[in-house]
PDB file of N, CA and C in Angstrom:
ATOM      1  N   MET A   1       0.697  -1.231  -0.251  1.00  0.00           N
ATOM      2  CA  MET A   1      -0.034   0.385  -0.037  1.00  0.00           C
ATOM      3  C   MET A   1       0.890   1.010  -0.073  1.00  0.00           C
ATOM      4  N   HIS A   2       0.436   2.069  -0.808  1.00  0.00           N
ATOM      5  CA  HIS A   2       1.039   3.826  -0.938  1.00  0.00           C
ATOM      6  C   HIS A   2       0.708   4.529   0.328  1.00  0.00           C
ATOM      7  N   GLU A   3       1.513   5.555   0.114  1.00  0.00           N
ATOM      8  CA  GLU A   3       1.103   6.825   0.950  1.00  0.00           C
ATOM      9  C   GLU A   3      -0.073   7.251   1.096  1.00  0.00           C
ATOM     10  N   ASP A   4      -0.577   7.005  -0.434  1.00  0.00           N
ATOM     11  CA  ASP A   4      -1.797   7.822  -0.463  1.00  0.00           C
ATOM     12  C   ASP A   4      -3.060   6.748  -0.591  1.00  0.00           C
ATOM     13  N   GLY A   5      -2.756   5.505  -0.002  1.00  0.00           N
ATOM     14  CA  GLY A   5      -3.613   4.448   0.256  1.00  0.00           C
ATOM     15  C   GLY A   5      -4.299   3.500  -0.842  1.00  0.00           C
ATOM     16  N   GLN A   6      -3.240   4.082  -2.123  1.00  0.00           N
ATOM     17  CA  GLN A   6      -3.628   3.444  -3.286  1.00  0.00           C
ATOM     18  C   GLN A   6      -2.859   1.672  -3.164  1.00  0.00           C
ATOM     19  N   GLU A   7      -2.990   0.943  -3.255  1.00  0.00           N
ATOM     20  CA  GLU A   7      -2.603  -0.489  -3.652  1.00  0.00           C
ATOM     21  C   GLU A   7      -2.749  -1.304  -4.904  1.00  0.00           C
ATOM     22  N   ASP A   8      -1.224  -1.427  -5.529  1.00  0.00           N
ATOM     23  CA  ASP A   8      -1.134  -2.015  -6.710  1.00  0.00           C
ATOM     24  C   ASP A   8      -0.654  -3.458  -6.700  1.00  0.00           C
ATOM     25  N   ILE A   9      -1.412  -3.907  -7.269  1.00  0.00           N
ATOM     26  CA  ILE A   9      -1.186  -5.321  -7.118  1.00  0.00           C
ATOM     27  C   ILE A   9      -0.843  -6.171  -8.919  1.00  0.00           C
ATOM     28  N   THR A  10       0.267  -6.922  -8.976  1.00  0.00           N
ATOM     29  CA  THR A  10       1.116  -7.349  -9.725  1.00  0.00           C
ATOM     30  C   THR A  10       0.511  -8.732 -10.317  1.00  0.00           C
ATOM     31  N   ASP A  11       0.934  -9.122 -11.315  1.00  0.00           N
ATOM     32  CA  ASP A  11       0.793 -10.407 -12.045  1.00  0.00           C
ATOM     33  C   ASP A  11       1.977 -11.457 -11.012  1.00  0.00           C
ATOM     34  N   PHE A  12       3.056 -11.356 -10.873  1.00  0.00           N
ATOM     35  CA  PHE A  12       4.462 -11.695 -10.463  1.00  0.00           C
ATOM     36  C   PHE A  12       4.928 -10.906  -9.825  1.00  0.00           C
ATOM     37  N   ARG A  13       5.541 -11.923  -8.422  1.00  0.00           N
ATOM     38  CA  ARG A  13       6.678 -10.653  -7.762  1.00  0.00           C
ATOM     39  C   ARG A  13       7.451 -11.686  -7.353  1.00  0.00           C
ATOM     40  N   TRP A  14       9.459 -11.493  -7.634  1.00  0.00           N
ATOM     41  CA  TRP A  14       9.997 -12.443  -6.767  1.00  0.00           C
ATOM     42  C   TRP A  14      11.026 -11.561  -5.749  1.00  0.00           C
ATOM     43  N   VAL A  15      11.256 -12.056  -4.865  1.00  0.00           N
ATOM     44  CA  VAL A  15      12.511 -11.805  -4.395  1.00  0.00           C
ATOM     45  C   VAL A  15      13.789 -12.996  -3.917  1.00  0.00           C
ATOM     46  N   GLN A  16      14.995 -12.450  -4.720  1.00  0.00           N
ATOM     47  CA  GLN A  16      15.811 -13.394  -4.554  1.00  0.00           C
ATOM     48  C   GLN A  16      16.904 -13.080  -4.030  1.00  0.00           C
ATOM     49  N   LYS A  17      17.607 -13.814  -3.343  1.00  0.00           N
ATOM     50  CA  LYS A  17      18.601 -13.089  -2.880  1.00  0.00           C
ATOM     51  C   LYS A  17      19.533 -14.125  -3.879  1.00  0.00           C
ATOM     52  N   GLN A  18      20.935 -13.218  -3.785  1.00  0.00           N
ATOM     53  CA  GLN A  18      22.257 -13.594  -4.749  1.00  0.00           C
ATOM     54  C   GLN A  18      23.190 -13.495  -4.131  1.00  0.00           C
ATOM     55  N   LYS A  19      24.057 -13.720  -4.692  1.00  0.00           N
ATOM     56  CA  LYS A  19      25.532 -13.770  -3.993  1.00  0.00           C
ATOM     57  C   LYS A  19      25.626 -12.089  -3.696  1.00  0.00           C
ATOM     58  N   ASN A  20      25.580 -11.022  -4.090  1.00  0.00           N
ATOM     59  CA  ASN A  20      26.107  -9.509  -3.710  1.00  0.00           C
ATOM     60  C   ASN A  20      24.826  -8.803  -3.284  1.00  0.00           C
ATOM     61  N   ARG A  21      23.574  -9.267  -3.506  1.00  0.00           N
ATOM     62  CA  ARG A  21      22.531  -8.581  -3.488  1.00  0.00           C
ATOM     63  C   ARG A  21      21.247  -9.166  -3.096  1.00  0.00           C
ATOM     64  N   THR A  22      20.060  -8.480  -3.012  1.00  0.00           N
ATOM     65  CA  THR A  22      18.836  -9.241  -3.029  1.00  0.00           C
ATOM     66  C   THR A  22      18.023  -8.469  -4.252  1.00  0.00           C
ATOM     67  N   LEU A  23      17.639  -9.193  -4.569  1.00  0.00           N
ATOM     68  CA  LEU A  23      17.000  -9.078  -6.319  1.00  0.00           C
ATOM     69  C   LEU A  23      15.282  -8.775  -5.852  1.00  0.00           C
ATOM     70  N   ARG A  24      14.524  -7.755  -6.244  1.00  0.00           N
ATOM     71  CA  ARG A  24      13.222  -7.834  -5.977  1.00  0.00           C
ATOM     72  C   ARG A  24      12.674  -7.538  -7.493  1.00  0.00           C
ATOM     73  N   LEU A  25      11.736  -8.454  -7.839  1.00  0.00           N
ATOM     74  CA  LEU A  25      11.655  -8.107  -9.032  1.00  0.00           C
ATOM     75  C   LEU A  25      10.109  -8.382  -9.534  1.00  0.00           C
ATOM     76  N   LEU A  26       9.645  -7.453 -10.105  1.00  0.00           N
ATOM     77  CA  LEU A  26       7.951  -7.501 -10.656  1.00  0.00           C
ATOM     78  C   LEU A  26       7.928  -7.735 -12.206  1.00  0.00           C
ATOM     79  N   GLY A  27       6.545  -8.789 -12.227  1.00  0.00           N
ATOM     80  CA  GLY A  27       6.889  -9.500 -13.607  1.00  0.00           C
ATOM     81  C   GLY A  27       4.921  -8.878 -13.861  1.00  0.00           C
ATOM     82  N   GLU A  28       4.948  -8.354 -15.351  1.00  0.00           N
ATOM     83  CA  GLU A  28       3.943  -8.161 -15.800  1.00  0.00           C
ATOM     84  C   GLU A  28       3.367  -8.457 -17.011  1.00  0.00           C
ATOM     85  N   PHE A  29       2.317  -9.385 -17.077  1.00  0.00           N
ATOM     86  CA  PHE A  29       2.018  -9.757 -18.790  1.00  0.00           C
ATOM     87  C   PHE A  29       1.078  -8.560 -19.269  1.00  0.00           C
ATOM     88  N   ASP A  30       1.439  -8.124 -20.391  1.00  0.00           N
ATOM     89  CA  ASP A  30       0.332  -7.270 -20.940  1.00  0.00           C
ATOM     90  C   ASP A  30      -0.050  -7.320 -22.050  1.00  0.00           C
ATOM     91  N   GLY A  31      -1.661  -7.399 -21.593  1.00  0.00           N
ATOM     92  CA  GLY A  31      -2.273  -8.213 -22.830  1.00  0.00           C
ATOM     93  C   GLY A  31      -2.775  -6.666 -23.604  1.00  0.00           C
ATOM     94  N   LYS A  32      -3.371  -6.513 -25.059  1.00  0.00           N
ATOM     95  CA  LYS A  32      -3.821  -5.252 -25.626  1.00  0.00           C
ATOM     96  C   LYS A  32      -5.053  -4.898 -25.030  1.00  0.00           C
ATOM     97  N   VAL A  33      -5.778  -6.175 -24.697  1.00  0.00           N
ATOM     98  CA  VAL A  33      -7.426  -5.972 -24.260  1.00  0.00           C
ATOM     99  C   VAL A  33      -7.264  -4.564 -22.957  1.00  0.00           C
ATOM    100  N   LYS A  34      -6.133  -4.553 -22.416  1.00  0.00           N
ATOM    101  CA  LYS A  34      -6.730  -3.311 -21.008  1.00  0.00           C
ATOM    102  C   LYS A  34      -6.515  -2.273 -21.929  1.00  0.00           C
ATOM    103  N   TYR A  35      -5.863  -2.279 -23.033  1.00  0.00           N
ATOM    104  CA  TYR A  35      -6.048  -0.543 -23.324  1.00  0.00           C
ATOM    105  C   TYR A  35      -7.147  -0.182 -24.658  1.00  0.00           C
ATOM    106  N   THR A  36      -7.836  -1.278 -24.784  1.00  0.00           N
ATOM    107  CA  THR A  36      -8.960  -1.343 -25.888  1.00  0.00           C
ATOM    108  C   THR A  36     -10.207  -1.724 -25.508  1.00  0.00           C
ATOM    109  N   ARG A  37     -10.109  -2.495 -24.448  1.00  0.00           N
ATOM    110  CA  ARG A  37     -11.506  -2.874 -24.578  1.00  0.00           C
ATOM    111  C   ARG A  37     -12.521  -2.526 -23.207  1.00  0.00           C
ATOM    112  N   ASP A  38     -13.837  -1.386 -23.807  1.00  0.00           N
ATOM    113  CA  ASP A  38     -14.386  -0.909 -22.776  1.00  0.00           C
ATOM    114  C   ASP A  38     -14.559  -1.715 -21.069  1.00  0.00           C
ATOM    115  N   ALA A  39     -14.479  -2.624 -21.401  1.00  0.00           N
ATOM    116  CA  ALA A  39     -14.873  -3.509 -20.017  1.00  0.00           C
ATOM    117  C   ALA A  39     -13.522  -3.180 -19.071  1.00  0.00           C
ATOM    118  N   PHE A  40     -12.673  -2.976 -19.655  1.00  0.00           N
ATOM    119  CA  PHE A  40     -11.362  -2.325 -18.871  1.00  0.00           C
ATOM    120  C   PHE A  40     -11.154  -0.991 -18.998  1.00  0.00           C
ATOM    121  N   MET A  41     -11.543  -0.467 -19.521  1.00  0.00           N
ATOM    122  CA  MET A  41     -11.216   1.522 -19.716  1.00  0.00           C
ATOM    123  C   MET A  41     -11.835   2.350 -18.665  1.00  0.00           C
ATOM    124  N   ASN A  42     -13.262   1.621 -18.049  1.00  0.00           N
ATOM    125  CA  ASN A  42     -13.630   2.131 -17.171  1.00  0.00           C
ATOM    126  C   ASN A  42     -13.908   4.152 -17.158  1.00  0.00           C
ATOM    127  N   GLY A  43     -14.349   3.910 -19.040  1.00  0.00           N
ATOM    128  CA  GLY A  43     -14.758   5.476 -19.682  1.00  0.00           C
ATOM    129  C   GLY A  43     -13.613   6.438 -19.823  1.00  0.00           C
ATOM    130  N   ARG A  44     -12.462   5.799 -19.661  1.00  0.00           N
ATOM    131  CA  ARG A  44     -11.276   6.528 -20.102  1.00  0.00           C
ATOM    132  C   ARG A  44     -10.962   5.700 -21.477  1.00  0.00           C
ATOM    133  N   THR A  45      -9.997   7.083 -22.211  1.00  0.00           N
ATOM    134  CA  THR A  45      -9.269   6.722 -23.639  1.00  0.00           C
ATOM    135  C   THR A  45      -8.140   6.040 -23.148  1.00  0.00           C
ATOM    136  N   SER A  46      -7.825   5.473 -24.420  1.00  0.00           N
ATOM    137  CA  SER A  46      -6.656   5.035 -24.213  1.00  0.00           C
ATOM    138  C   SER A  46      -4.969   5.320 -23.824  1.00  0.00           C
ATOM    139  N   GLU A  47      -5.478   6.814 -24.259  1.00  0.00           N
ATOM    140  CA  GLU A  47      -4.063   7.572 -24.087  1.00  0.00           C
ATOM    141  C   GLU A  47      -4.153   8.077 -22.222  1.00  0.00           C
ATOM    142  N   GLU A  48      -5.309   7.940 -21.486  1.00  0.00           N
ATOM    143  CA  GLU A  48      -5.389   7.982 -20.424  1.00  0.00           C
ATOM    144  C   GLU A  48      -4.960   6.594 -19.728  1.00  0.00           C
ATOM    145  N   ALA A  49      -5.391   5.438 -20.419  1.00  0.00           N
ATOM    146  CA  ALA A  49      -5.196   4.425 -19.667  1.00  0.00           C
ATOM    147  C   ALA A  49      -3.772   4.241 -19.535  1.00  0.00           C
ATOM    148  N   VAL A  50      -3.146   4.472 -21.035  1.00  0.00           N
ATOM    149  CA  VAL A  50      -1.820   4.220 -20.689  1.00  0.00           C
ATOM    150  C   VAL A  50      -1.270   5.125 -19.785  1.00  0.00           C
ATOM    151  N   TRP A  51      -1.059   6.658 -19.495  1.00  0.00           N
ATOM    152  CA  TRP A  51      -0.924   7.124 -18.660  1.00  0.00           C
ATOM    153  C   TRP A  51      -0.602   6.538 -17.258  1.00  0.00           C
ATOM    154  N   SER A  52      -2.070   6.116 -16.977  1.00  0.00           N
ATOM    155  CA  SER A  52      -2.417   6.327 -15.440  1.00  0.00           C
ATOM    156  C   SER A  52      -1.215   4.620 -15.472  1.00  0.00           C
ATOM    157  N   GLU A  53      -1.490   3.996 -16.446  1.00  0.00           N
ATOM    158  CA  GLU A  53      -0.257   2.395 -16.428  1.00  0.00           C
ATOM    159  C   GLU A  53       1.019   3.108 -15.953  1.00  0.00           C
ATOM    160  N   LYS A  54       1.675   3.732 -16.828  1.00  0.00           N
ATOM    161  CA  LYS A  54       2.653   4.754 -16.580  1.00  0.00           C
ATOM    162  C   LYS A  54       2.969   4.898 -15.223  1.00  0.00           C
ATOM    163  N   LEU A  55       2.289   5.913 -14.510  1.00  0.00           N
ATOM    164  CA  LEU A  55       2.314   6.404 -13.591  1.00  0.00           C
ATOM    165  C   LEU A  55       2.165   4.938 -12.072  1.00  0.00           C
ATOM    166  N   ARG A  56       1.344   3.688 -12.141  1.00  0.00           N
ATOM    167  CA  ARG A  56       1.149   2.781 -11.607  1.00  0.00           C
ATOM    168  C   ARG A  56       2.856   1.910 -11.449  1.00  0.00           C
ATOM    169  N   GLU A  57       3.082   1.894 -12.695  1.00  0.00           N
ATOM    170  CA  GLU A  57       4.512   1.717 -12.865  1.00  0.00           C
ATOM    171  C   GLU A  57       5.631   2.212 -12.111  1.00  0.00           C
ATOM    172  N   ASP A  58       5.437   3.523 -12.007  1.00  0.00           N
ATOM    173  CA  ASP A  58       6.660   4.635 -11.509  1.00  0.00           C
ATOM    174  C   ASP A  58       6.388   4.394 -10.077  1.00  0.00           C
ATOM    175  N   ARG A  59       4.852   4.139  -9.324  1.00  0.00           N
ATOM    176  CA  ARG A  59       4.917   3.734  -8.044  1.00  0.00           C
ATOM    177  C   ARG A  59       5.601   2.279  -7.388  1.00  0.00           C
ATOM    178  N   LEU A  60       4.952   1.609  -8.521  1.00  0.00           N
ATOM    179  CA  LEU A  60       6.112   0.344  -8.084  1.00  0.00           C
ATOM    180  C   LEU A  60       7.383   0.386  -8.042  1.00  0.00           C
ATOM    181  N   ARG A  61       7.760   0.949  -9.191  1.00  0.00           N
ATOM    182  CA  ARG A  61       9.655   0.977  -8.972  1.00  0.00           C
ATOM    183  C   ARG A  61      10.218   2.150  -7.774  1.00  0.00           C
ATOM    184  N   GLY A  62       9.378   2.729  -7.284  1.00  0.00           N
ATOM    185  CA  GLY A  62       9.442   3.392  -6.275  1.00  0.00           C
ATOM    186  C   GLY A  62       9.627   2.788  -4.575  1.00  0.00           C
ATOM    187  N   THR A  63       9.033   1.244  -5.152  1.00  0.00           N
ATOM    188  CA  THR A  63       9.602   0.669  -3.910  1.00  0.00           C
ATOM    189  C   THR A  63      10.737   0.099  -3.681  1.00  0.00           C
ATOM    190  N   GLY A  64      11.654   0.351  -4.971  1.00  0.00           N
ATOM    191  CA  GLY A  64      12.805  -0.594  -4.723  1.00  0.00           C
ATOM    192  C   GLY A  64      12.874  -1.897  -5.568  1.00  0.00           C
ATOM    193  N   HIS A  65      11.291  -2.004  -6.482  1.00  0.00           N
ATOM    194  CA  HIS A  65      11.413  -3.064  -7.438  1.00  0.00           C
ATOM    195  C   HIS A  65      11.939  -2.892  -8.927  1.00  0.00           C
ATOM    196  N   GLY A  66      12.407  -3.946  -9.297  1.00  0.00           N
ATOM    197  CA  GLY A  66      12.737  -3.892 -10.605  1.00  0.00           C
ATOM    198  C   GLY A  66      11.316  -4.343 -11.365  1.00  0.00           C
ATOM    199  N   MET A  67      11.315  -3.720 -12.911  1.00  0.00           N
ATOM    200  CA  MET A  67       9.737  -4.273 -13.408  1.00  0.00           C
ATOM    201  C   MET A  67      10.296  -5.124 -14.835  1.00  0.00           C
ATOM    202  N   ALA A  68       9.698  -6.316 -15.149  1.00  0.00           N
ATOM    203  CA  ALA A  68       9.805  -7.126 -16.464  1.00  0.00           C
ATOM    204  C   ALA A  68       8.459  -7.229 -16.937  1.00  0.00           C
ATOM    205  N   ARG A  69       8.158  -6.718 -18.374  1.00  0.00           N
ATOM    206  CA  ARG A  69       7.039  -6.687 -18.282  1.00  0.00           C
ATOM    207  C   ARG A  69       7.241  -7.893 -19.943  1.00  0.00           C
ATOM    208  N   TRP A  70       5.899  -8.110 -20.400  1.00  0.00           N
ATOM    209  CA  TRP A  70       5.713  -9.363 -21.763  1.00  0.00           C
ATOM    210  C   TRP A  70       4.556  -9.177 -22.097  1.00  0.00           C
ATOM    211  N   ILE A  71       4.644  -9.448 -23.230  1.00  0.00           N
ATOM    212  CA  ILE A  71       3.383 -10.060 -24.341  1.00  0.00           C
ATOM    213  C   ILE A  71       3.167 -11.341 -24.548  1.00  0.00           C
ATOM    214  N   TRP A  72       1.978 -11.650 -25.248  1.00  0.00           N
ATOM    215  CA  TRP A  72       1.835 -13.121 -25.455  1.00  0.00           C
ATOM    216  C   TRP A  72       2.779 -13.685 -26.570  1.00  0.00           C
ATOM    217  N   ALA A  73       3.116 -13.047 -27.504  1.00  0.00           N
ATOM    218  CA  ALA A  73       4.573 -13.389 -28.146  1.00  0.00           C
ATOM    219  C   ALA A  73       5.736 -13.939 -27.595  1.00  0.00           C
ATOM    220  N   VAL A  74       5.798 -13.154 -26.393  1.00  0.00           N
ATOM    221  CA  VAL A  74       6.949 -13.666 -25.586  1.00  0.00           C
ATOM    222  C   VAL A  74       6.489 -15.087 -24.569  1.00  0.00           C
ATOM    223  N   ALA A  75       5.261 -14.591 -23.904  1.00  0.00           N
ATOM    224  CA  ALA A  75       5.065 -15.612 -22.884  1.00  0.00           C
ATOM    225  C   ALA A  75       4.891 -16.778 -23.818  1.00  0.00           C
ATOM    226  N   LEU A  76       4.180 -16.897 -25.022  1.00  0.00           N
ATOM    227  CA  LEU A  76       4.094 -18.461 -25.711  1.00  0.00           C
ATOM    228  C   LEU A  76       5.431 -18.932 -26.158  1.00  0.00           C
ATOM    229  N   ARG A  77       6.423 -18.468 -25.702  1.00  0.00           N
ATOM    230  CA  ARG A  77       7.978 -19.323 -26.305  1.00  0.00           C
ATOM    231  C   ARG A  77       8.840 -18.982 -25.032  1.00  0.00           C
ATOM    232  N   ARG A  78       9.303 -20.276 -24.639  1.00  0.00           N
ATOM    233  CA  ARG A  78       9.909 -20.859 -23.400  1.00  0.00           C
ATOM    234  C   ARG A  78      11.181 -19.874 -23.610  1.00  0.00           C
ATOM    235  N   GLU A  79      11.774 -20.136 -24.261  1.00  0.00           N
ATOM    236  CA  GLU A  79      13.070 -19.027 -24.238  1.00  0.00           C
ATOM    237  C   GLU A  79      13.071 -17.649 -24.311  1.00  0.00           C
ATOM    238  N   SER A  80      12.052 -17.138 -25.171  1.00  0.00           N
ATOM    239  CA  SER A  80      12.087 -15.775 -24.985  1.00  0.00           C
ATOM    240  C   SER A  80      11.781 -15.083 -23.833  1.00  0.00           C
ATOM    241  N   LEU A  81      10.786 -15.678 -23.243  1.00  0.00           N
ATOM    242  CA  LEU A  81      10.430 -15.375 -21.472  1.00  0.00           C
ATOM    243  C   LEU A  81      11.856 -15.613 -20.518  1.00  0.00           C
ATOM    244  N   LYS A  82      11.868 -16.638 -20.813  1.00  0.00           N
ATOM    245  CA  LYS A  82      13.363 -17.303 -20.091  1.00  0.00           C
ATOM    246  C   LYS A  82      14.320 -15.876 -20.373  1.00  0.00           C
ATOM    247  N   ARG A  83      14.743 -15.347 -21.597  1.00  0.00           N
ATOM    248  CA  ARG A  83      15.664 -14.348 -21.913  1.00  0.00           C
ATOM    249  C   ARG A  83      15.212 -13.433 -21.643  1.00  0.00           C
ATOM    250  N   LEU A  84      13.983 -12.943 -21.367  1.00  0.00           N
ATOM    251  CA  LEU A  84      13.665 -11.600 -20.808  1.00  0.00           C
ATOM    252  C   LEU A  84      13.881 -11.516 -19.244  1.00  0.00           C
ATOM    253  N   LEU A  85      13.454 -12.832 -18.519  1.00  0.00           N
ATOM    254  CA  LEU A  85      13.468 -12.703 -17.136  1.00  0.00           C
ATOM    255  C   LEU A  85      15.149 -12.751 -16.426  1.00  0.00           C
ATOM    256  N   LEU A  86      16.030 -13.173 -17.335  1.00  0.00           N
ATOM    257  CA  LEU A  86      17.088 -13.043 -17.333  1.00  0.00           C
ATOM    258  C   LEU A  86      18.171 -11.923 -17.348  1.00  0.00           C
ATOM    259  N   ALA A  87      17.560 -11.155 -18.532  1.00  0.00           N
ATOM    260  CA  ALA A  87      17.945  -9.513 -18.510  1.00  0.00           C
ATOM    261  C   ALA A  87      17.575  -8.764 -17.450  1.00  0.00           C
ATOM    262  N   ALA A  88      16.131  -9.070 -16.781  1.00  0.00           N
ATOM    263  CA  ALA A  88      15.772  -8.171 -15.809  1.00  0.00           C
ATOM    264  C   ALA A  88      16.403  -8.815 -14.262  1.00  0.00           C
ATOM    265  N   GLY A  89      17.413  -9.431 -14.452  1.00  0.00           N
ATOM    266  CA  GLY A  89      18.165 -10.323 -13.288  1.00  0.00           C
ATOM    267  C   GLY A  89      17.764 -11.461 -12.553  1.00  0.00           C
ATOM    268  N   LEU A  90      16.638 -11.984 -12.692  1.00  0.00           N
ATOM    269  CA  LEU A  90      16.332 -12.999 -12.100  1.00  0.00           C
ATOM    270  C   LEU A  90      17.583 -14.178 -12.786  1.00  0.00           C
ATOM    271  N   ARG A  91      17.480 -15.299 -11.936  1.00  0.00           N
ATOM    272  CA  ARG A  91      18.469 -16.094 -11.856  1.00  0.00           C
ATOM    273  C   ARG A  91      17.963 -17.337 -11.217  1.00  0.00           C
ATOM    274  N   PRO A  92      17.906 -18.757 -12.020  1.00  0.00           N
ATOM    275  CA  PRO A  92      17.344 -19.901 -11.596  1.00  0.00           C
ATOM    276  C   PRO A  92      17.860 -20.421 -10.479  1.00  0.00           C
ATOM    277  N   GLU A  93      17.100 -20.739  -9.681  1.00  0.00           N
ATOM    278  CA  GLU A  93      17.708 -21.506  -8.300  1.00  0.00           C
ATOM    279  C   GLU A  93      17.659 -23.169  -8.249  1.00  0.00           C
ATOM    280  N   PRO A  94      18.982 -23.176  -8.082  1.00  0.00           N
ATOM    281  CA  PRO A  94      19.489 -25.020  -8.397  1.00  0.00           C
ATOM    282  C   PRO A  94      18.383 -25.672  -7.715  1.00  0.00           C
ATOM    283  N   GLY A  95      18.214 -26.492  -8.341  1.00  0.00           N
ATOM    284  CA  GLY A  95      16.816 -27.861  -8.210  1.00  0.00           C
ATOM    285  C   GLY A  95      15.467 -27.591  -7.981  1.00  0.00           C
ATOM    286  N   LYS A  96      15.187 -26.151  -8.438  1.00  0.00           N
ATOM    287  CA  LYS A  96      13.832 -25.758  -8.469  1.00  0.00           C
ATOM    288  C   LYS A  96      13.353 -25.235  -9.396  1.00  0.00           C
ATOM    289  N   CYS A  97      14.176 -25.175 -10.613  1.00  0.00           N
ATOM    290  CA  CYS A  97      13.755 -25.314 -11.716  1.00  0.00           C
ATOM    291  C   CYS A  97      14.116 -25.958 -12.739  1.00  0.00           C
ATOM    292  N   PRO A  98      13.347 -26.802 -13.354  1.00  0.00           N
ATOM    293  CA  PRO A  98      13.587 -27.452 -14.410  1.00  0.00           C
ATOM    294  C   PRO A  98      14.218 -27.434 -15.527  1.00  0.00           C
ATOM    295  N   ASN A  99      15.411 -27.757 -16.326  1.00  0.00           N
ATOM    296  CA  ASN A  99      15.990 -26.927 -17.074  1.00  0.00           C
ATOM    297  C   ASN A  99      15.415 -27.418 -18.491  1.00  0.00           C
ATOM    298  N   ARG A 100      14.752 -27.159 -19.359  1.00  0.00           N
ATOM    299  CA  ARG A 100      13.997 -27.680 -20.159  1.00  0.00           C
ATOM    300  C   ARG A 100      14.312 -27.166 -21.478  1.00  0.00           C
TER     301      ARG A 100
END
């Protein structure tokens, strides 16, 4: 919860102790629907929805977390998603993640 009482929910959250630091990473799946369908827009324009999402991400990053975002094209390709998460700093934990 933020100072203004707003609570932001994310799709994924990782806290990972690494050799020299603790990684705090948030993950978000972005679908086109939330920026284009009336049911998700709450009367806002696409521009307003994008700006609102930008402010939300700023609040989330302000908590000391990194952010990784992906779309369907990445989510459906294991290697693409793996590359994205590795680039964001997330590391596989031995014995906890199958190497497929």
